Amino acid sequence: MGYVDIAQVNQTNKIYIMLSPKLTNCPECANIPSLLKKIDCKLAELGNNLYNNISYMLNKPVPANDITQLIGYRRILMYKLCNPSYVEKYSIAMIASKVIRLTVGCVSRCNTPEPCVEVPCDITVIPNTTTTTTTI
C-alpha cells in the first residue's frame, strides 16, 4: 500500500488549476442562447472542415474530442434552458468557460442570419379538361 504526500497532491492540484483557465470575462456568458449560437457556429465550422477534407482532400484539423464535448455541452445547455435546476452541480458560468475555450476563433458569419428570400414559382397550372368515365 502506497502513501501519497499531501504537498505532492497540492502541487498537482495547482498545476491542474493553472492548465484549465476559466474564461468568464464577457457580458453574455450567462446567456444560454448566445452560448448555444457559439456552439452551433463552431460545430458548423468543424463540420464544414470535415466535408472539405473529404471532398477536396484538404488537411484541415477536425478534433473529434472537441466535437464530442461541444455536443455534450449543447445538450446540457438545452436542458438548462428549459429546467434551470438541471445538473445544479455545474453552473452556467462553469459551462460558459469551457464553451468559450472550445469555440475560440469561430467565424463570425455563423452568427448573422441570412435573409430568407422566396422566389415565386413561374410554373402555371393548366387544369385538366378531359374527363374519364368508367362503367362496371
N, C-alpha and C. Protein backbone atom coordinates (compact mmCIF):
# COMPACT_ATOMS: atom_id res chain seq x y z
N MET A 1 0.85 -1.16 0.00
CA MET A 1 0.00 0.00 0.00
C MET A 1 0.90 1.23 0.00
N GLY A 2 0.64 2.16 -0.92
CA GLY A 2 1.47 3.35 -1.00
C GLY A 2 0.81 4.56 -0.38
N TYR A 3 1.63 5.46 0.09
CA TYR A 3 1.13 6.69 0.68
C TYR A 3 1.48 7.86 -0.24
N VAL A 4 0.59 8.83 -0.28
CA VAL A 4 0.80 10.00 -1.12
C VAL A 4 1.08 11.18 -0.21
N ASP A 5 2.12 11.92 -0.53
CA ASP A 5 2.47 13.10 0.24
C ASP A 5 1.45 14.21 -0.06
N ILE A 6 0.95 14.88 0.98
CA ILE A 6 -0.06 15.93 0.80
C ILE A 6 0.51 17.08 0.00
N ALA A 7 1.76 17.42 0.17
CA ALA A 7 2.36 18.52 -0.60
C ALA A 7 2.35 18.19 -2.09
N GLN A 8 2.57 16.91 -2.41
CA GLN A 8 2.56 16.50 -3.81
C GLN A 8 1.15 16.63 -4.39
N VAL A 9 0.12 16.29 -3.64
CA VAL A 9 -1.26 16.42 -4.10
C VAL A 9 -1.60 17.89 -4.33
N ASN A 10 -1.21 18.77 -3.39
CA ASN A 10 -1.48 20.19 -3.55
C ASN A 10 -0.77 20.76 -4.77
N GLN A 11 0.47 20.33 -5.02
CA GLN A 11 1.21 20.80 -6.18
C GLN A 11 0.53 20.34 -7.47
N THR A 12 0.06 19.09 -7.52
CA THR A 12 -0.64 18.58 -8.69
C THR A 12 -1.94 19.36 -8.90
N ASN A 13 -2.64 19.66 -7.83
CA ASN A 13 -3.89 20.41 -7.93
C ASN A 13 -3.62 21.82 -8.46
N LYS A 14 -2.55 22.46 -8.02
CA LYS A 14 -2.20 23.79 -8.51
C LYS A 14 -1.89 23.76 -10.00
N ILE A 15 -1.16 22.74 -10.43
CA ILE A 15 -0.83 22.62 -11.85
C ILE A 15 -2.10 22.41 -12.66
N TYR A 16 -3.02 21.59 -12.17
CA TYR A 16 -4.27 21.34 -12.88
C TYR A 16 -5.08 22.63 -13.01
N ILE A 17 -5.14 23.40 -11.93
CA ILE A 17 -5.90 24.66 -11.97
C ILE A 17 -5.25 25.63 -12.95
N MET A 18 -3.93 25.66 -13.02
CA MET A 18 -3.25 26.56 -13.94
C MET A 18 -3.49 26.15 -15.39
N LEU A 19 -3.63 24.85 -15.66
CA LEU A 19 -3.80 24.38 -17.02
C LEU A 19 -5.24 24.42 -17.50
N SER A 20 -6.19 24.69 -16.63
CA SER A 20 -7.58 24.80 -17.05
C SER A 20 -8.07 26.22 -16.78
N PRO A 21 -7.87 27.13 -17.72
CA PRO A 21 -8.25 28.52 -17.48
C PRO A 21 -9.76 28.69 -17.42
N LYS A 22 -10.20 29.68 -16.71
CA LYS A 22 -11.62 29.98 -16.60
C LYS A 22 -11.86 31.32 -17.29
N LEU A 23 -12.53 31.28 -18.43
CA LEU A 23 -12.77 32.47 -19.22
C LEU A 23 -14.20 32.94 -18.99
N THR A 24 -14.36 33.93 -18.14
CA THR A 24 -15.71 34.43 -17.86
C THR A 24 -15.75 35.95 -17.96
N ASN A 25 -14.87 36.55 -18.68
CA ASN A 25 -14.81 38.00 -18.76
C ASN A 25 -15.61 38.50 -19.96
N CYS A 26 -16.87 38.13 -20.03
CA CYS A 26 -17.72 38.59 -21.13
C CYS A 26 -19.13 38.80 -20.60
N PRO A 27 -19.85 39.79 -21.12
CA PRO A 27 -21.18 40.07 -20.58
C PRO A 27 -22.23 39.02 -20.95
N GLU A 28 -22.06 38.34 -22.07
CA GLU A 28 -23.09 37.38 -22.50
C GLU A 28 -22.80 35.96 -22.05
N CYS A 29 -21.88 35.78 -21.11
CA CYS A 29 -21.52 34.43 -20.67
C CYS A 29 -22.68 33.70 -20.02
N ALA A 30 -23.52 34.41 -19.29
CA ALA A 30 -24.63 33.75 -18.60
C ALA A 30 -25.85 33.62 -19.49
N ASN A 31 -25.73 34.01 -20.73
CA ASN A 31 -26.84 33.97 -21.67
C ASN A 31 -26.80 32.64 -22.43
N ILE A 32 -27.71 31.75 -22.13
CA ILE A 32 -27.71 30.42 -22.73
C ILE A 32 -27.91 30.48 -24.25
N PRO A 33 -28.82 31.28 -24.79
CA PRO A 33 -28.96 31.31 -26.26
C PRO A 33 -27.69 31.74 -26.99
N SER A 34 -26.94 32.69 -26.42
CA SER A 34 -25.70 33.09 -27.10
C SER A 34 -24.66 31.98 -27.04
N LEU A 35 -24.63 31.23 -25.94
CA LEU A 35 -23.71 30.09 -25.85
C LEU A 35 -24.10 29.01 -26.85
N LEU A 36 -25.40 28.79 -27.02
CA LEU A 36 -25.85 27.80 -28.00
C LEU A 36 -25.49 28.24 -29.41
N LYS A 37 -25.57 29.55 -29.69
CA LYS A 37 -25.15 30.06 -31.00
C LYS A 37 -23.68 29.81 -31.25
N LYS A 38 -22.86 30.06 -30.22
CA LYS A 38 -21.42 29.82 -30.36
C LYS A 38 -21.13 28.35 -30.62
N ILE A 39 -21.83 27.48 -29.90
CA ILE A 39 -21.62 26.04 -30.09
C ILE A 39 -22.04 25.63 -31.50
N ASP A 40 -23.21 26.09 -31.95
CA ASP A 40 -23.68 25.74 -33.29
C ASP A 40 -22.74 26.27 -34.36
N CYS A 41 -22.20 27.47 -34.14
CA CYS A 41 -21.26 28.05 -35.09
C CYS A 41 -20.00 27.19 -35.20
N LYS A 42 -19.46 26.81 -34.07
CA LYS A 42 -18.22 26.02 -34.08
C LYS A 42 -18.47 24.62 -34.66
N LEU A 43 -19.61 24.02 -34.32
CA LEU A 43 -19.92 22.71 -34.89
C LEU A 43 -20.09 22.79 -36.40
N ALA A 44 -20.71 23.87 -36.88
CA ALA A 44 -20.86 24.05 -38.33
C ALA A 44 -19.50 24.24 -38.99
N GLU A 45 -18.63 25.00 -38.35
CA GLU A 45 -17.29 25.21 -38.90
C GLU A 45 -16.50 23.90 -38.96
N LEU A 46 -16.55 23.12 -37.88
CA LEU A 46 -15.83 21.85 -37.87
C LEU A 46 -16.44 20.86 -38.86
N GLY A 47 -17.76 20.86 -38.98
CA GLY A 47 -18.42 20.00 -39.96
C GLY A 47 -18.04 20.39 -41.38
N ASN A 48 -17.95 21.69 -41.62
CA ASN A 48 -17.54 22.16 -42.94
C ASN A 48 -16.10 21.75 -43.24
N ASN A 49 -15.23 21.84 -42.24
CA ASN A 49 -13.84 21.39 -42.42
C ASN A 49 -13.79 19.90 -42.76
N LEU A 50 -14.60 19.12 -42.07
CA LEU A 50 -14.61 17.68 -42.34
C LEU A 50 -15.11 17.39 -43.75
N TYR A 51 -16.17 18.08 -44.16
CA TYR A 51 -16.70 17.90 -45.52
C TYR A 51 -15.65 18.29 -46.56
N ASN A 52 -14.98 19.42 -46.34
CA ASN A 52 -13.95 19.86 -47.30
C ASN A 52 -12.76 18.90 -47.31
N ASN A 53 -12.43 18.34 -46.17
CA ASN A 53 -11.33 17.36 -46.13
C ASN A 53 -11.66 16.15 -47.00
N ILE A 54 -12.90 15.71 -46.92
CA ILE A 54 -13.30 14.53 -47.68
C ILE A 54 -13.47 14.88 -49.16
N SER A 55 -14.11 16.00 -49.45
CA SER A 55 -14.42 16.35 -50.83
C SER A 55 -13.20 16.80 -51.62
N TYR A 56 -12.35 17.62 -51.00
CA TYR A 56 -11.25 18.24 -51.73
C TYR A 56 -9.88 17.76 -51.27
N MET A 57 -9.85 16.73 -50.45
CA MET A 57 -8.61 16.16 -49.93
C MET A 57 -7.75 17.21 -49.23
N LEU A 58 -8.37 18.03 -48.42
CA LEU A 58 -7.65 19.02 -47.63
C LEU A 58 -7.18 18.39 -46.34
N ASN A 59 -6.42 19.15 -45.60
CA ASN A 59 -5.89 18.63 -44.34
C ASN A 59 -6.22 19.59 -43.20
N LYS A 60 -7.47 20.05 -43.13
CA LYS A 60 -7.86 20.95 -42.04
C LYS A 60 -8.12 20.12 -40.79
N PRO A 61 -7.79 20.67 -39.62
CA PRO A 61 -7.98 19.89 -38.40
C PRO A 61 -9.46 19.73 -38.03
N VAL A 62 -9.81 18.51 -37.64
CA VAL A 62 -11.16 18.20 -37.17
C VAL A 62 -11.01 17.44 -35.86
N PRO A 63 -10.94 18.17 -34.73
CA PRO A 63 -10.76 17.50 -33.44
C PRO A 63 -12.04 16.82 -32.96
N ALA A 64 -12.04 15.51 -32.97
CA ALA A 64 -13.23 14.75 -32.58
C ALA A 64 -13.58 14.95 -31.11
N ASN A 65 -12.58 15.11 -30.27
CA ASN A 65 -12.82 15.30 -28.84
C ASN A 65 -13.57 16.61 -28.59
N ASP A 66 -13.19 17.67 -29.30
CA ASP A 66 -13.88 18.96 -29.16
C ASP A 66 -15.33 18.86 -29.63
N ILE A 67 -15.55 18.14 -30.72
CA ILE A 67 -16.90 17.98 -31.23
C ILE A 67 -17.77 17.25 -30.21
N THR A 68 -17.23 16.20 -29.61
CA THR A 68 -17.96 15.44 -28.61
C THR A 68 -18.28 16.30 -27.39
N GLN A 69 -17.31 17.08 -26.94
CA GLN A 69 -17.55 17.96 -25.79
C GLN A 69 -18.58 19.02 -26.11
N LEU A 70 -18.50 19.63 -27.30
CA LEU A 70 -19.46 20.67 -27.67
C LEU A 70 -20.88 20.11 -27.75
N ILE A 71 -21.02 18.91 -28.29
CA ILE A 71 -22.35 18.29 -28.35
C ILE A 71 -22.88 18.03 -26.94
N GLY A 72 -22.02 17.59 -26.06
CA GLY A 72 -22.43 17.36 -24.67
C GLY A 72 -22.84 18.64 -23.97
N TYR A 73 -22.04 19.71 -24.13
CA TYR A 73 -22.39 20.99 -23.51
C TYR A 73 -23.66 21.56 -24.13
N ARG A 74 -23.86 21.33 -25.40
CA ARG A 74 -25.08 21.82 -26.06
C ARG A 74 -26.31 21.12 -25.46
N ARG A 75 -26.20 19.83 -25.24
CA ARG A 75 -27.31 19.08 -24.64
C ARG A 75 -27.61 19.60 -23.24
N ILE A 76 -26.57 19.81 -22.44
CA ILE A 76 -26.77 20.30 -21.07
C ILE A 76 -27.41 21.68 -21.09
N LEU A 77 -26.93 22.56 -21.98
CA LEU A 77 -27.49 23.92 -22.04
C LEU A 77 -28.94 23.91 -22.53
N MET A 78 -29.27 23.01 -23.45
CA MET A 78 -30.65 22.93 -23.91
C MET A 78 -31.57 22.50 -22.76
N TYR A 79 -31.12 21.53 -21.95
CA TYR A 79 -31.92 21.11 -20.80
C TYR A 79 -31.99 22.22 -19.76
N LYS A 80 -30.87 22.93 -19.54
CA LYS A 80 -30.86 24.02 -18.56
C LYS A 80 -31.74 25.19 -19.01
N LEU A 81 -31.89 25.36 -20.30
CA LEU A 81 -32.75 26.42 -20.81
C LEU A 81 -34.21 26.16 -20.41
N CYS A 82 -34.62 24.90 -20.43
CA CYS A 82 -35.99 24.53 -20.05
C CYS A 82 -36.14 24.35 -18.55
N ASN A 83 -35.11 23.80 -17.91
CA ASN A 83 -35.18 23.50 -16.48
C ASN A 83 -33.89 23.99 -15.82
N PRO A 84 -33.90 25.18 -15.21
CA PRO A 84 -32.67 25.74 -14.62
C PRO A 84 -32.08 24.89 -13.50
N SER A 85 -32.85 24.01 -12.91
CA SER A 85 -32.31 23.18 -11.82
C SER A 85 -31.67 21.89 -12.35
N TYR A 86 -31.61 21.73 -13.67
CA TYR A 86 -30.98 20.54 -14.26
C TYR A 86 -29.48 20.61 -14.01
N VAL A 87 -28.89 19.56 -13.52
CA VAL A 87 -27.46 19.43 -13.22
C VAL A 87 -26.99 20.67 -12.44
N GLU A 88 -27.54 20.85 -11.25
CA GLU A 88 -27.20 22.01 -10.43
C GLU A 88 -25.73 22.04 -10.05
N LYS A 89 -25.07 20.89 -10.14
CA LYS A 89 -23.65 20.81 -9.78
C LYS A 89 -22.80 21.68 -10.69
N TYR A 90 -23.23 21.85 -11.95
CA TYR A 90 -22.49 22.65 -12.91
C TYR A 90 -23.26 23.93 -13.20
N SER A 91 -22.65 25.06 -12.88
CA SER A 91 -23.31 26.34 -13.13
C SER A 91 -23.12 26.73 -14.60
N ILE A 92 -23.91 27.71 -15.02
CA ILE A 92 -23.79 28.19 -16.40
C ILE A 92 -22.44 28.85 -16.61
N ALA A 93 -21.91 29.50 -15.57
CA ALA A 93 -20.59 30.13 -15.69
C ALA A 93 -19.49 29.09 -15.93
N MET A 94 -19.60 27.94 -15.27
CA MET A 94 -18.61 26.87 -15.48
C MET A 94 -18.68 26.34 -16.91
N ILE A 95 -19.90 26.12 -17.38
CA ILE A 95 -20.07 25.62 -18.74
C ILE A 95 -19.66 26.67 -19.76
N ALA A 96 -19.99 27.95 -19.48
CA ALA A 96 -19.63 29.03 -20.39
C ALA A 96 -18.12 29.14 -20.55
N SER A 97 -17.39 28.95 -19.48
CA SER A 97 -15.94 29.00 -19.56
C SER A 97 -15.40 27.95 -20.52
N LYS A 98 -15.91 26.75 -20.43
CA LYS A 98 -15.45 25.67 -21.31
C LYS A 98 -15.92 25.88 -22.74
N VAL A 99 -17.14 26.38 -22.91
CA VAL A 99 -17.66 26.62 -24.26
C VAL A 99 -16.86 27.71 -24.95
N ILE A 100 -16.54 28.78 -24.23
CA ILE A 100 -15.76 29.87 -24.81
C ILE A 100 -14.38 29.36 -25.21
N ARG A 101 -13.78 28.53 -24.37
CA ARG A 101 -12.46 27.98 -24.69
C ARG A 101 -12.51 27.11 -25.94
N LEU A 102 -13.59 26.33 -26.10
CA LEU A 102 -13.69 25.43 -27.24
C LEU A 102 -14.11 26.15 -28.52
N THR A 103 -14.79 27.29 -28.40
CA THR A 103 -15.29 27.98 -29.59
C THR A 103 -14.44 29.18 -29.98
N VAL A 104 -13.26 29.29 -29.45
CA VAL A 104 -12.38 30.41 -29.80
C VAL A 104 -12.06 30.33 -31.29
N GLY A 105 -12.15 31.45 -31.96
CA GLY A 105 -11.80 31.50 -33.38
C GLY A 105 -12.93 31.12 -34.31
N CYS A 106 -14.15 31.12 -33.80
CA CYS A 106 -15.28 30.78 -34.65
C CYS A 106 -15.51 31.90 -35.66
N VAL A 107 -15.83 31.55 -36.88
CA VAL A 107 -16.06 32.53 -37.93
C VAL A 107 -17.33 33.30 -37.60
N SER A 108 -17.25 34.63 -37.70
CA SER A 108 -18.38 35.46 -37.26
C SER A 108 -19.58 35.36 -38.18
N ARG A 109 -19.41 34.92 -39.42
CA ARG A 109 -20.55 34.85 -40.33
C ARG A 109 -21.58 33.81 -39.90
N CYS A 110 -21.20 32.94 -38.97
CA CYS A 110 -22.15 31.94 -38.48
C CYS A 110 -23.25 32.59 -37.65
N ASN A 111 -22.94 33.68 -36.97
CA ASN A 111 -23.90 34.28 -36.05
C ASN A 111 -24.87 35.25 -36.71
N THR A 112 -24.63 35.62 -37.97
CA THR A 112 -25.55 36.53 -38.64
C THR A 112 -26.48 35.73 -39.52
N PRO A 113 -27.77 35.83 -39.29
CA PRO A 113 -28.70 35.04 -40.11
C PRO A 113 -28.79 35.61 -41.52
N GLU A 114 -28.88 34.73 -42.48
CA GLU A 114 -29.03 35.15 -43.86
C GLU A 114 -30.50 35.44 -44.13
N PRO A 115 -30.78 36.48 -44.91
CA PRO A 115 -32.19 36.77 -45.19
C PRO A 115 -32.80 35.67 -46.05
N CYS A 116 -34.00 35.31 -45.71
CA CYS A 116 -34.70 34.27 -46.45
C CYS A 116 -35.46 34.92 -47.59
N VAL A 117 -35.12 34.57 -48.81
CA VAL A 117 -35.78 35.15 -49.97
C VAL A 117 -36.49 34.01 -50.69
N GLU A 118 -37.79 34.14 -50.80
CA GLU A 118 -38.55 33.13 -51.51
C GLU A 118 -38.86 33.64 -52.91
N VAL A 119 -38.46 32.87 -53.89
CA VAL A 119 -38.72 33.24 -55.27
C VAL A 119 -40.02 32.55 -55.68
N PRO A 120 -40.99 33.32 -56.19
CA PRO A 120 -42.24 32.67 -56.59
C PRO A 120 -42.03 31.74 -57.76
N CYS A 121 -42.81 30.71 -57.79
CA CYS A 121 -42.69 29.70 -58.83
C CYS A 121 -43.31 30.24 -60.13
N ASP A 122 -42.63 30.07 -61.25
CA ASP A 122 -43.10 30.56 -62.54
C ASP A 122 -43.92 29.53 -63.30
N ILE A 123 -44.24 28.43 -62.71
CA ILE A 123 -44.98 27.38 -63.40
C ILE A 123 -46.47 27.71 -63.33
N THR A 124 -47.10 27.73 -64.47
CA THR A 124 -48.55 27.96 -64.49
C THR A 124 -49.26 26.61 -64.48
N VAL A 125 -50.30 26.55 -63.71
CA VAL A 125 -51.05 25.31 -63.58
C VAL A 125 -52.12 25.28 -64.65
N ILE A 126 -52.11 24.22 -65.46
CA ILE A 126 -53.10 24.04 -66.52
C ILE A 126 -54.12 23.03 -66.03
N PRO A 127 -55.39 23.41 -65.98
CA PRO A 127 -56.40 22.47 -65.48
C PRO A 127 -56.63 21.36 -66.49
N ASN A 128 -56.96 20.21 -66.01
CA ASN A 128 -57.23 19.05 -66.84
C ASN A 128 -58.68 19.12 -67.30
N THR A 129 -58.90 19.26 -68.60
CA THR A 129 -60.26 19.40 -69.12
C THR A 129 -60.86 18.08 -69.57
N THR A 130 -60.08 17.04 -69.65
CA THR A 130 -60.61 15.75 -70.09
C THR A 130 -61.22 15.02 -68.90
N THR A 131 -62.25 14.30 -69.18
CA THR A 131 -62.89 13.52 -68.14
C THR A 131 -62.87 12.06 -68.55
N THR A 132 -62.77 11.24 -67.58
CA THR A 132 -62.79 9.80 -67.84
C THR A 132 -63.96 9.19 -67.10
N THR A 133 -64.59 8.25 -67.74
CA THR A 133 -65.72 7.57 -67.10
C THR A 133 -65.43 6.07 -67.13
N THR A 134 -65.83 5.46 -66.10
CA THR A 134 -65.66 4.01 -66.02
C THR A 134 -67.03 3.38 -65.82
N THR A 135 -67.25 2.28 -66.49
CA THR A 135 -68.52 1.56 -66.34
C THR A 135 -68.24 0.18 -65.75
N ILE A 136 -69.16 -0.23 -64.95
CA ILE A 136 -68.98 -1.56 -64.33
C ILE A 136 -69.99 -2.51 -64.85
